[in-house]
Amino acid sequence: MIKKDELLIVDLGYFSKTFFEKLSSKGVFYLTRIRSNTVVYLEKVGKVKQVDLSEILAGNNLVDTTVYLSIGYKKQLKCRLVAIRLPDEIVNERGRNRKLRGILTLEEYMELVQKEADGETLTKKERELLDKNREMFKNMPITILPKE
């Protein structure tokens, strides 16, 4: 097992706040990417308040700050968040790769869900994309707006 003061680097497949809490309690450092839906808290005026991750990252090329991750009722894990903005060409390339693999953004997925809910006929490609991406978005609360 990893020892105190050593660094463990893990990918998103190992992203577990409980696991990170155990590592921290043993004095082990860890490095991972953060899941986009992770609830993040910042300390403001002596109180820990929930903030949207996009608020922390907005307009900054580099972020290096202390945040807290929720790991249970009224329990947070203190972490260091380091984020570096990717150049536009890399972001655009990743978007092209995502589309080639048939992965939808949340906005694209919601458009298809809304279209289906409105009783519109989906094309074969739209149906395949919706079915392929349903598993990824299944735990997200979805609000279907009535057609006006």
N, C-alpha and C. Protein backbone atom coordinates (compact mmCIF):
# COMPACT_ATOMS: atom_id res chain seq x y z
N MET A 1 0.85 -1.20 0.00
CA MET A 1 0.00 0.00 0.00
C MET A 1 0.88 1.24 0.00
N ILE A 2 0.33 2.32 -0.46
CA ILE A 2 1.05 3.58 -0.52
C ILE A 2 1.30 4.12 0.89
N LYS A 3 2.44 4.78 1.07
CA LYS A 3 2.87 5.24 2.39
C LYS A 3 2.66 6.74 2.56
N LYS A 4 2.70 7.17 3.80
CA LYS A 4 2.57 8.58 4.17
C LYS A 4 3.56 9.42 3.35
N ASP A 5 3.09 10.58 2.91
CA ASP A 5 3.86 11.55 2.14
C ASP A 5 4.17 11.11 0.71
N GLU A 6 3.61 10.00 0.25
CA GLU A 6 3.76 9.60 -1.14
C GLU A 6 2.59 10.15 -1.95
N LEU A 7 2.76 10.15 -3.27
CA LEU A 7 1.74 10.68 -4.18
C LEU A 7 1.13 9.55 -5.00
N LEU A 8 -0.19 9.48 -4.99
CA LEU A 8 -0.93 8.51 -5.79
C LEU A 8 -1.64 9.27 -6.90
N ILE A 9 -1.39 8.88 -8.15
CA ILE A 9 -2.04 9.51 -9.30
C ILE A 9 -3.08 8.53 -9.84
N VAL A 10 -4.34 8.97 -9.91
CA VAL A 10 -5.42 8.09 -10.35
C VAL A 10 -6.23 8.78 -11.45
N ASP A 11 -6.87 7.97 -12.30
CA ASP A 11 -7.74 8.54 -13.33
C ASP A 11 -9.17 8.61 -12.79
N LEU A 12 -10.08 9.08 -13.61
CA LEU A 12 -11.47 9.27 -13.16
C LEU A 12 -12.17 7.99 -12.76
N GLY A 13 -11.68 6.85 -13.22
CA GLY A 13 -12.27 5.57 -12.83
C GLY A 13 -12.13 5.30 -11.34
N TYR A 14 -11.18 5.97 -10.70
CA TYR A 14 -10.95 5.79 -9.26
C TYR A 14 -11.43 6.99 -8.45
N PHE A 15 -12.18 7.88 -9.09
CA PHE A 15 -12.64 9.08 -8.40
C PHE A 15 -13.68 8.71 -7.35
N SER A 16 -13.25 8.76 -6.10
CA SER A 16 -14.13 8.44 -4.98
C SER A 16 -13.75 9.33 -3.81
N LYS A 17 -14.66 10.18 -3.39
CA LYS A 17 -14.35 11.10 -2.30
C LYS A 17 -14.06 10.35 -1.01
N THR A 18 -14.73 9.22 -0.79
CA THR A 18 -14.47 8.41 0.40
C THR A 18 -13.05 7.84 0.34
N PHE A 19 -12.63 7.38 -0.83
CA PHE A 19 -11.27 6.88 -1.04
C PHE A 19 -10.26 7.99 -0.77
N PHE A 20 -10.53 9.20 -1.28
CA PHE A 20 -9.62 10.32 -1.07
C PHE A 20 -9.55 10.70 0.41
N GLU A 21 -10.67 10.58 1.12
CA GLU A 21 -10.68 10.87 2.55
C GLU A 21 -9.76 9.89 3.29
N LYS A 22 -9.83 8.61 2.92
CA LYS A 22 -8.97 7.61 3.56
C LYS A 22 -7.50 7.90 3.28
N LEU A 23 -7.19 8.27 2.04
CA LEU A 23 -5.81 8.61 1.69
C LEU A 23 -5.33 9.81 2.52
N SER A 24 -6.16 10.84 2.59
CA SER A 24 -5.80 12.04 3.35
C SER A 24 -5.57 11.74 4.81
N SER A 25 -6.40 10.89 5.39
CA SER A 25 -6.26 10.56 6.81
C SER A 25 -4.96 9.81 7.10
N LYS A 26 -4.40 9.17 6.07
CA LYS A 26 -3.13 8.44 6.21
C LYS A 26 -1.94 9.29 5.80
N GLY A 27 -2.19 10.57 5.43
CA GLY A 27 -1.11 11.45 5.04
C GLY A 27 -0.60 11.22 3.63
N VAL A 28 -1.43 10.58 2.81
CA VAL A 28 -1.06 10.29 1.42
C VAL A 28 -1.61 11.42 0.54
N PHE A 29 -0.83 11.86 -0.43
CA PHE A 29 -1.26 12.85 -1.41
C PHE A 29 -1.83 12.14 -2.62
N TYR A 30 -2.77 12.77 -3.31
CA TYR A 30 -3.35 12.17 -4.50
C TYR A 30 -3.57 13.25 -5.55
N LEU A 31 -3.56 12.83 -6.79
CA LEU A 31 -3.77 13.72 -7.93
C LEU A 31 -4.76 13.04 -8.86
N THR A 32 -5.81 13.76 -9.23
CA THR A 32 -6.83 13.21 -10.13
C THR A 32 -7.51 14.36 -10.86
N ARG A 33 -8.17 14.03 -11.94
CA ARG A 33 -9.06 15.00 -12.57
C ARG A 33 -10.34 15.02 -11.75
N ILE A 34 -11.06 16.11 -11.83
CA ILE A 34 -12.31 16.22 -11.07
C ILE A 34 -13.49 15.92 -11.99
N ARG A 35 -14.46 15.24 -11.46
CA ARG A 35 -15.68 14.98 -12.25
C ARG A 35 -16.44 16.31 -12.40
N SER A 36 -17.02 16.51 -13.55
CA SER A 36 -17.70 17.78 -13.83
C SER A 36 -18.92 18.02 -12.93
N ASN A 37 -19.49 16.96 -12.38
CA ASN A 37 -20.68 17.11 -11.53
C ASN A 37 -20.35 17.10 -10.04
N THR A 38 -19.08 17.24 -9.70
CA THR A 38 -18.66 17.22 -8.29
C THR A 38 -19.14 18.49 -7.59
N VAL A 39 -19.73 18.32 -6.40
CA VAL A 39 -20.17 19.46 -5.61
C VAL A 39 -18.95 20.03 -4.89
N VAL A 40 -18.70 21.32 -5.12
CA VAL A 40 -17.52 21.99 -4.60
C VAL A 40 -17.95 23.11 -3.66
N TYR A 41 -17.19 23.28 -2.58
CA TYR A 41 -17.46 24.33 -1.61
C TYR A 41 -16.23 25.20 -1.46
N LEU A 42 -16.44 26.50 -1.23
CA LEU A 42 -15.36 27.43 -0.92
C LEU A 42 -15.62 28.04 0.45
N GLU A 43 -14.56 28.39 1.12
CA GLU A 43 -14.70 29.07 2.41
C GLU A 43 -14.80 30.55 2.15
N LYS A 44 -15.91 31.13 2.58
CA LYS A 44 -16.14 32.57 2.40
C LYS A 44 -16.58 33.15 3.74
N VAL A 45 -15.85 34.13 4.20
CA VAL A 45 -16.15 34.81 5.45
C VAL A 45 -16.34 33.81 6.59
N GLY A 46 -15.43 32.86 6.69
CA GLY A 46 -15.46 31.89 7.78
C GLY A 46 -16.49 30.78 7.65
N LYS A 47 -17.27 30.78 6.56
CA LYS A 47 -18.27 29.74 6.34
C LYS A 47 -17.99 29.03 5.03
N VAL A 48 -18.29 27.75 4.99
CA VAL A 48 -18.10 26.95 3.77
C VAL A 48 -19.41 26.97 2.99
N LYS A 49 -19.36 27.51 1.75
CA LYS A 49 -20.57 27.63 0.94
C LYS A 49 -20.38 26.93 -0.40
N GLN A 50 -21.46 26.28 -0.85
CA GLN A 50 -21.42 25.58 -2.13
C GLN A 50 -21.31 26.59 -3.27
N VAL A 51 -20.45 26.28 -4.24
CA VAL A 51 -20.30 27.11 -5.43
C VAL A 51 -20.30 26.21 -6.66
N ASP A 52 -20.64 26.79 -7.76
CA ASP A 52 -20.60 26.06 -9.02
C ASP A 52 -19.15 26.04 -9.50
N LEU A 53 -18.69 24.90 -9.93
CA LEU A 53 -17.31 24.75 -10.40
C LEU A 53 -17.00 25.75 -11.51
N SER A 54 -17.98 26.01 -12.37
CA SER A 54 -17.76 26.96 -13.47
C SER A 54 -17.50 28.37 -12.95
N GLU A 55 -18.05 28.72 -11.76
CA GLU A 55 -17.79 30.04 -11.16
C GLU A 55 -16.32 30.18 -10.79
N ILE A 56 -15.74 29.11 -10.27
CA ILE A 56 -14.34 29.14 -9.85
C ILE A 56 -13.44 29.27 -11.08
N LEU A 57 -13.82 28.61 -12.16
CA LEU A 57 -12.97 28.56 -13.35
C LEU A 57 -13.18 29.73 -14.30
N ALA A 58 -14.31 30.41 -14.20
CA ALA A 58 -14.70 31.45 -15.15
C ALA A 58 -13.63 32.54 -15.29
N GLY A 59 -13.20 32.74 -16.54
CA GLY A 59 -12.30 33.84 -16.85
C GLY A 59 -10.87 33.67 -16.36
N ASN A 60 -10.53 32.53 -15.83
CA ASN A 60 -9.17 32.31 -15.32
C ASN A 60 -8.42 31.32 -16.19
N ASN A 61 -7.18 31.64 -16.50
CA ASN A 61 -6.33 30.69 -17.23
C ASN A 61 -5.70 29.70 -16.26
N LEU A 62 -5.55 30.10 -15.00
CA LEU A 62 -4.96 29.24 -13.99
C LEU A 62 -5.71 29.45 -12.68
N VAL A 63 -6.10 28.35 -12.06
CA VAL A 63 -6.75 28.39 -10.75
C VAL A 63 -5.94 27.49 -9.82
N ASP A 64 -5.62 27.99 -8.66
CA ASP A 64 -4.93 27.21 -7.63
C ASP A 64 -5.50 27.67 -6.30
N THR A 65 -6.46 26.92 -5.78
CA THR A 65 -7.18 27.35 -4.58
C THR A 65 -7.59 26.16 -3.73
N THR A 66 -7.93 26.44 -2.51
CA THR A 66 -8.43 25.41 -1.60
C THR A 66 -9.94 25.30 -1.75
N VAL A 67 -10.43 24.08 -1.93
CA VAL A 67 -11.86 23.82 -2.01
C VAL A 67 -12.19 22.69 -1.06
N TYR A 68 -13.48 22.47 -0.88
CA TYR A 68 -13.97 21.37 -0.05
C TYR A 68 -14.91 20.54 -0.90
N LEU A 69 -14.79 19.23 -0.80
CA LEU A 69 -15.69 18.31 -1.50
C LEU A 69 -16.62 17.68 -0.47
N SER A 70 -17.89 17.60 -0.79
CA SER A 70 -18.85 16.99 0.12
C SER A 70 -18.65 15.48 0.14
N ILE A 71 -18.49 14.90 1.34
CA ILE A 71 -18.34 13.44 1.45
C ILE A 71 -19.35 12.85 2.42
N GLY A 72 -20.41 13.54 2.62
CA GLY A 72 -21.45 13.05 3.51
C GLY A 72 -22.17 14.22 4.15
N TYR A 73 -23.12 13.90 4.97
CA TYR A 73 -23.92 14.93 5.61
C TYR A 73 -23.03 15.81 6.49
N LYS A 74 -22.96 17.10 6.16
CA LYS A 74 -22.18 18.08 6.92
C LYS A 74 -20.71 17.71 7.07
N LYS A 75 -20.16 16.99 6.09
CA LYS A 75 -18.77 16.60 6.16
C LYS A 75 -18.11 16.91 4.82
N GLN A 76 -17.03 17.68 4.86
CA GLN A 76 -16.33 18.03 3.64
C GLN A 76 -14.86 17.64 3.75
N LEU A 77 -14.28 17.35 2.60
CA LEU A 77 -12.87 17.00 2.49
C LEU A 77 -12.14 18.19 1.89
N LYS A 78 -11.16 18.71 2.62
CA LYS A 78 -10.38 19.85 2.15
C LYS A 78 -9.40 19.37 1.08
N CYS A 79 -9.41 20.05 -0.07
CA CYS A 79 -8.55 19.68 -1.21
C CYS A 79 -7.96 20.92 -1.85
N ARG A 80 -6.92 20.71 -2.61
CA ARG A 80 -6.34 21.76 -3.43
C ARG A 80 -6.83 21.54 -4.86
N LEU A 81 -7.43 22.57 -5.44
CA LEU A 81 -7.90 22.51 -6.82
C LEU A 81 -6.95 23.31 -7.69
N VAL A 82 -6.35 22.64 -8.66
CA VAL A 82 -5.48 23.31 -9.63
C VAL A 82 -6.09 23.05 -11.01
N ALA A 83 -6.36 24.13 -11.73
CA ALA A 83 -6.95 24.00 -13.06
C ALA A 83 -6.24 24.94 -14.01
N ILE A 84 -5.97 24.45 -15.20
CA ILE A 84 -5.32 25.24 -16.25
C ILE A 84 -6.23 25.21 -17.47
N ARG A 85 -6.56 26.40 -17.98
CA ARG A 85 -7.44 26.48 -19.14
C ARG A 85 -6.72 25.92 -20.37
N LEU A 86 -7.42 25.06 -21.09
CA LEU A 86 -6.86 24.49 -22.31
C LEU A 86 -6.95 25.49 -23.45
N PRO A 87 -5.97 25.48 -24.35
CA PRO A 87 -6.07 26.34 -25.54
C PRO A 87 -7.30 25.95 -26.38
N ASP A 88 -7.86 26.93 -27.06
CA ASP A 88 -9.08 26.70 -27.85
C ASP A 88 -8.92 25.57 -28.87
N GLU A 89 -7.74 25.45 -29.48
CA GLU A 89 -7.58 24.40 -30.50
C GLU A 89 -7.70 23.01 -29.88
N ILE A 90 -7.27 22.83 -28.64
CA ILE A 90 -7.40 21.52 -27.98
C ILE A 90 -8.86 21.28 -27.62
N VAL A 91 -9.53 22.30 -27.11
CA VAL A 91 -10.95 22.18 -26.77
C VAL A 91 -11.75 21.81 -28.02
N ASN A 92 -11.46 22.49 -29.14
CA ASN A 92 -12.18 22.21 -30.38
C ASN A 92 -11.90 20.81 -30.89
N GLU A 93 -10.66 20.35 -30.79
CA GLU A 93 -10.30 18.99 -31.22
C GLU A 93 -11.04 17.95 -30.38
N ARG A 94 -11.10 18.17 -29.08
CA ARG A 94 -11.83 17.23 -28.21
C ARG A 94 -13.30 17.20 -28.57
N GLY A 95 -13.86 18.34 -28.94
CA GLY A 95 -15.26 18.39 -29.35
C GLY A 95 -15.49 17.56 -30.61
N ARG A 96 -14.56 17.66 -31.56
CA ARG A 96 -14.67 16.86 -32.79
C ARG A 96 -14.57 15.37 -32.47
N ASN A 97 -13.63 15.00 -31.59
CA ASN A 97 -13.47 13.59 -31.21
C ASN A 97 -14.72 13.07 -30.50
N ARG A 98 -15.32 13.90 -29.65
CA ARG A 98 -16.54 13.51 -28.93
C ARG A 98 -17.65 13.23 -29.93
N LYS A 99 -17.79 14.09 -30.92
CA LYS A 99 -18.84 13.91 -31.92
C LYS A 99 -18.61 12.66 -32.75
N LEU A 100 -17.35 12.39 -33.09
CA LEU A 100 -17.04 11.17 -33.85
C LEU A 100 -17.41 9.91 -33.07
N ARG A 101 -17.27 9.96 -31.75
CA ARG A 101 -17.60 8.80 -30.90
C ARG A 101 -19.10 8.74 -30.59
N GLY A 102 -19.85 9.75 -31.00
CA GLY A 102 -21.29 9.75 -30.77
C GLY A 102 -21.68 10.13 -29.36
N ILE A 103 -20.86 10.95 -28.70
CA ILE A 103 -21.16 11.38 -27.33
C ILE A 103 -21.77 12.78 -27.40
N LEU A 104 -22.93 12.92 -26.78
CA LEU A 104 -23.65 14.19 -26.79
C LEU A 104 -23.28 15.05 -25.59
N THR A 105 -23.37 16.36 -25.76
CA THR A 105 -23.30 17.25 -24.60
C THR A 105 -24.66 17.18 -23.91
N LEU A 106 -24.73 17.68 -22.69
CA LEU A 106 -26.01 17.69 -21.98
C LEU A 106 -27.06 18.47 -22.77
N GLU A 107 -26.66 19.60 -23.35
CA GLU A 107 -27.59 20.41 -24.11
C GLU A 107 -28.13 19.64 -25.33
N GLU A 108 -27.25 18.95 -26.04
CA GLU A 108 -27.69 18.16 -27.20
C GLU A 108 -28.62 17.03 -26.77
N TYR A 109 -28.27 16.38 -25.67
CA TYR A 109 -29.09 15.29 -25.14
C TYR A 109 -30.48 15.81 -24.77
N MET A 110 -30.52 16.93 -24.07
CA MET A 110 -31.81 17.49 -23.63
C MET A 110 -32.68 17.90 -24.82
N GLU A 111 -32.06 18.38 -25.89
CA GLU A 111 -32.83 18.72 -27.09
C GLU A 111 -33.53 17.49 -27.64
N LEU A 112 -32.84 16.36 -27.68
CA LEU A 112 -33.45 15.12 -28.18
C LEU A 112 -34.52 14.60 -27.22
N VAL A 113 -34.26 14.68 -25.92
CA VAL A 113 -35.26 14.24 -24.93
C VAL A 113 -36.52 15.09 -25.07
N GLN A 114 -36.34 16.40 -25.22
CA GLN A 114 -37.49 17.31 -25.36
C GLN A 114 -38.25 17.00 -26.65
N LYS A 115 -37.52 16.77 -27.72
CA LYS A 115 -38.14 16.45 -29.02
C LYS A 115 -38.97 15.17 -28.89
N GLU A 116 -38.41 14.16 -28.22
CA GLU A 116 -39.12 12.90 -28.01
C GLU A 116 -40.37 13.12 -27.15
N ALA A 117 -40.24 13.92 -26.09
CA ALA A 117 -41.36 14.19 -25.18
C ALA A 117 -42.48 14.96 -25.89
N ASP A 118 -42.10 15.78 -26.86
CA ASP A 118 -43.10 16.55 -27.61
C ASP A 118 -43.79 15.71 -28.67
N GLY A 119 -43.41 14.43 -28.77
CA GLY A 119 -44.05 13.53 -29.72
C GLY A 119 -43.51 13.66 -31.14
N GLU A 120 -42.41 14.38 -31.31
CA GLU A 120 -41.81 14.51 -32.64
C GLU A 120 -41.10 13.21 -32.99
N THR A 121 -41.06 12.89 -34.25
CA THR A 121 -40.39 11.68 -34.71
C THR A 121 -38.89 11.93 -34.79
N LEU A 122 -38.14 11.05 -34.16
CA LEU A 122 -36.68 11.14 -34.20
C LEU A 122 -36.17 10.38 -35.41
N THR A 123 -35.12 10.92 -36.04
CA THR A 123 -34.49 10.17 -37.13
C THR A 123 -33.80 8.94 -36.54
N LYS A 124 -33.40 8.02 -37.40
CA LYS A 124 -32.70 6.82 -36.94
C LYS A 124 -31.42 7.21 -36.20
N LYS A 125 -30.68 8.17 -36.72
CA LYS A 125 -29.43 8.63 -36.09
C LYS A 125 -29.71 9.28 -34.73
N GLU A 126 -30.75 10.10 -34.66
CA GLU A 126 -31.11 10.74 -33.39
C GLU A 126 -31.49 9.69 -32.35
N ARG A 127 -32.26 8.69 -32.77
CA ARG A 127 -32.67 7.60 -31.86
C ARG A 127 -31.44 6.86 -31.34
N GLU A 128 -30.49 6.54 -32.23
CA GLU A 128 -29.27 5.84 -31.83
C GLU A 128 -28.45 6.67 -30.85
N LEU A 129 -28.32 7.97 -31.13
CA LEU A 129 -27.57 8.86 -30.23
C LEU A 129 -28.25 8.95 -28.86
N LEU A 130 -29.56 9.08 -28.86
CA LEU A 130 -30.30 9.18 -27.61
C LEU A 130 -30.13 7.90 -26.79
N ASP A 131 -30.28 6.75 -27.43
CA ASP A 131 -30.13 5.48 -26.73
C ASP A 131 -28.71 5.29 -26.20
N LYS A 132 -27.72 5.64 -27.02
CA LYS A 132 -26.32 5.48 -26.62
C LYS A 132 -25.97 6.35 -25.42
N ASN A 133 -26.54 7.54 -25.35
CA ASN A 133 -26.17 8.50 -24.31
C ASN A 133 -27.07 8.44 -23.07
N ARG A 134 -28.18 7.70 -23.16
CA ARG A 134 -29.13 7.64 -22.04
C ARG A 134 -28.47 7.15 -20.76
N GLU A 135 -27.59 6.15 -20.87
CA GLU A 135 -26.92 5.60 -19.69
C GLU A 135 -26.07 6.67 -18.98
N MET A 136 -25.40 7.50 -19.78
CA MET A 136 -24.52 8.51 -19.21
C MET A 136 -25.31 9.57 -18.42
N PHE A 137 -26.49 9.89 -18.89
CA PHE A 137 -27.28 10.95 -18.27
C PHE A 137 -28.39 10.43 -17.36
N LYS A 138 -28.44 9.12 -17.10
CA LYS A 138 -29.59 8.54 -16.41
C LYS A 138 -29.79 9.04 -14.99
N ASN A 139 -28.75 9.44 -14.30
CA ASN A 139 -28.89 9.88 -12.91
C ASN A 139 -29.07 11.38 -12.76
N MET A 140 -29.25 12.06 -13.88
CA MET A 140 -29.43 13.51 -13.83
C MET A 140 -30.91 13.85 -13.78
N PRO A 141 -31.26 14.81 -12.92
CA PRO A 141 -32.66 15.22 -12.91
C PRO A 141 -33.00 15.94 -14.21
N ILE A 142 -34.07 15.52 -14.84
CA ILE A 142 -34.44 16.09 -16.14
C ILE A 142 -35.83 16.68 -16.03
N THR A 143 -35.97 17.90 -16.51
CA THR A 143 -37.26 18.56 -16.52
C THR A 143 -37.72 18.69 -17.97
N ILE A 144 -38.86 18.13 -18.26
CA ILE A 144 -39.43 18.24 -19.61
C ILE A 144 -40.41 19.40 -19.59
N LEU A 145 -40.18 20.37 -20.47
CA LEU A 145 -41.06 21.53 -20.53
C LEU A 145 -42.25 21.24 -21.44
N PRO A 146 -43.45 21.62 -21.05
CA PRO A 146 -44.60 21.38 -21.91
C PRO A 146 -44.50 22.25 -23.18
N LYS A 147 -44.96 21.68 -24.27
CA LYS A 147 -44.93 22.41 -25.54
C LYS A 147 -45.96 23.52 -25.48
N GLU A 148 -45.52 24.70 -25.85
CA GLU A 148 -46.42 25.85 -25.78
C GLU A 148 -47.18 26.05 -27.05
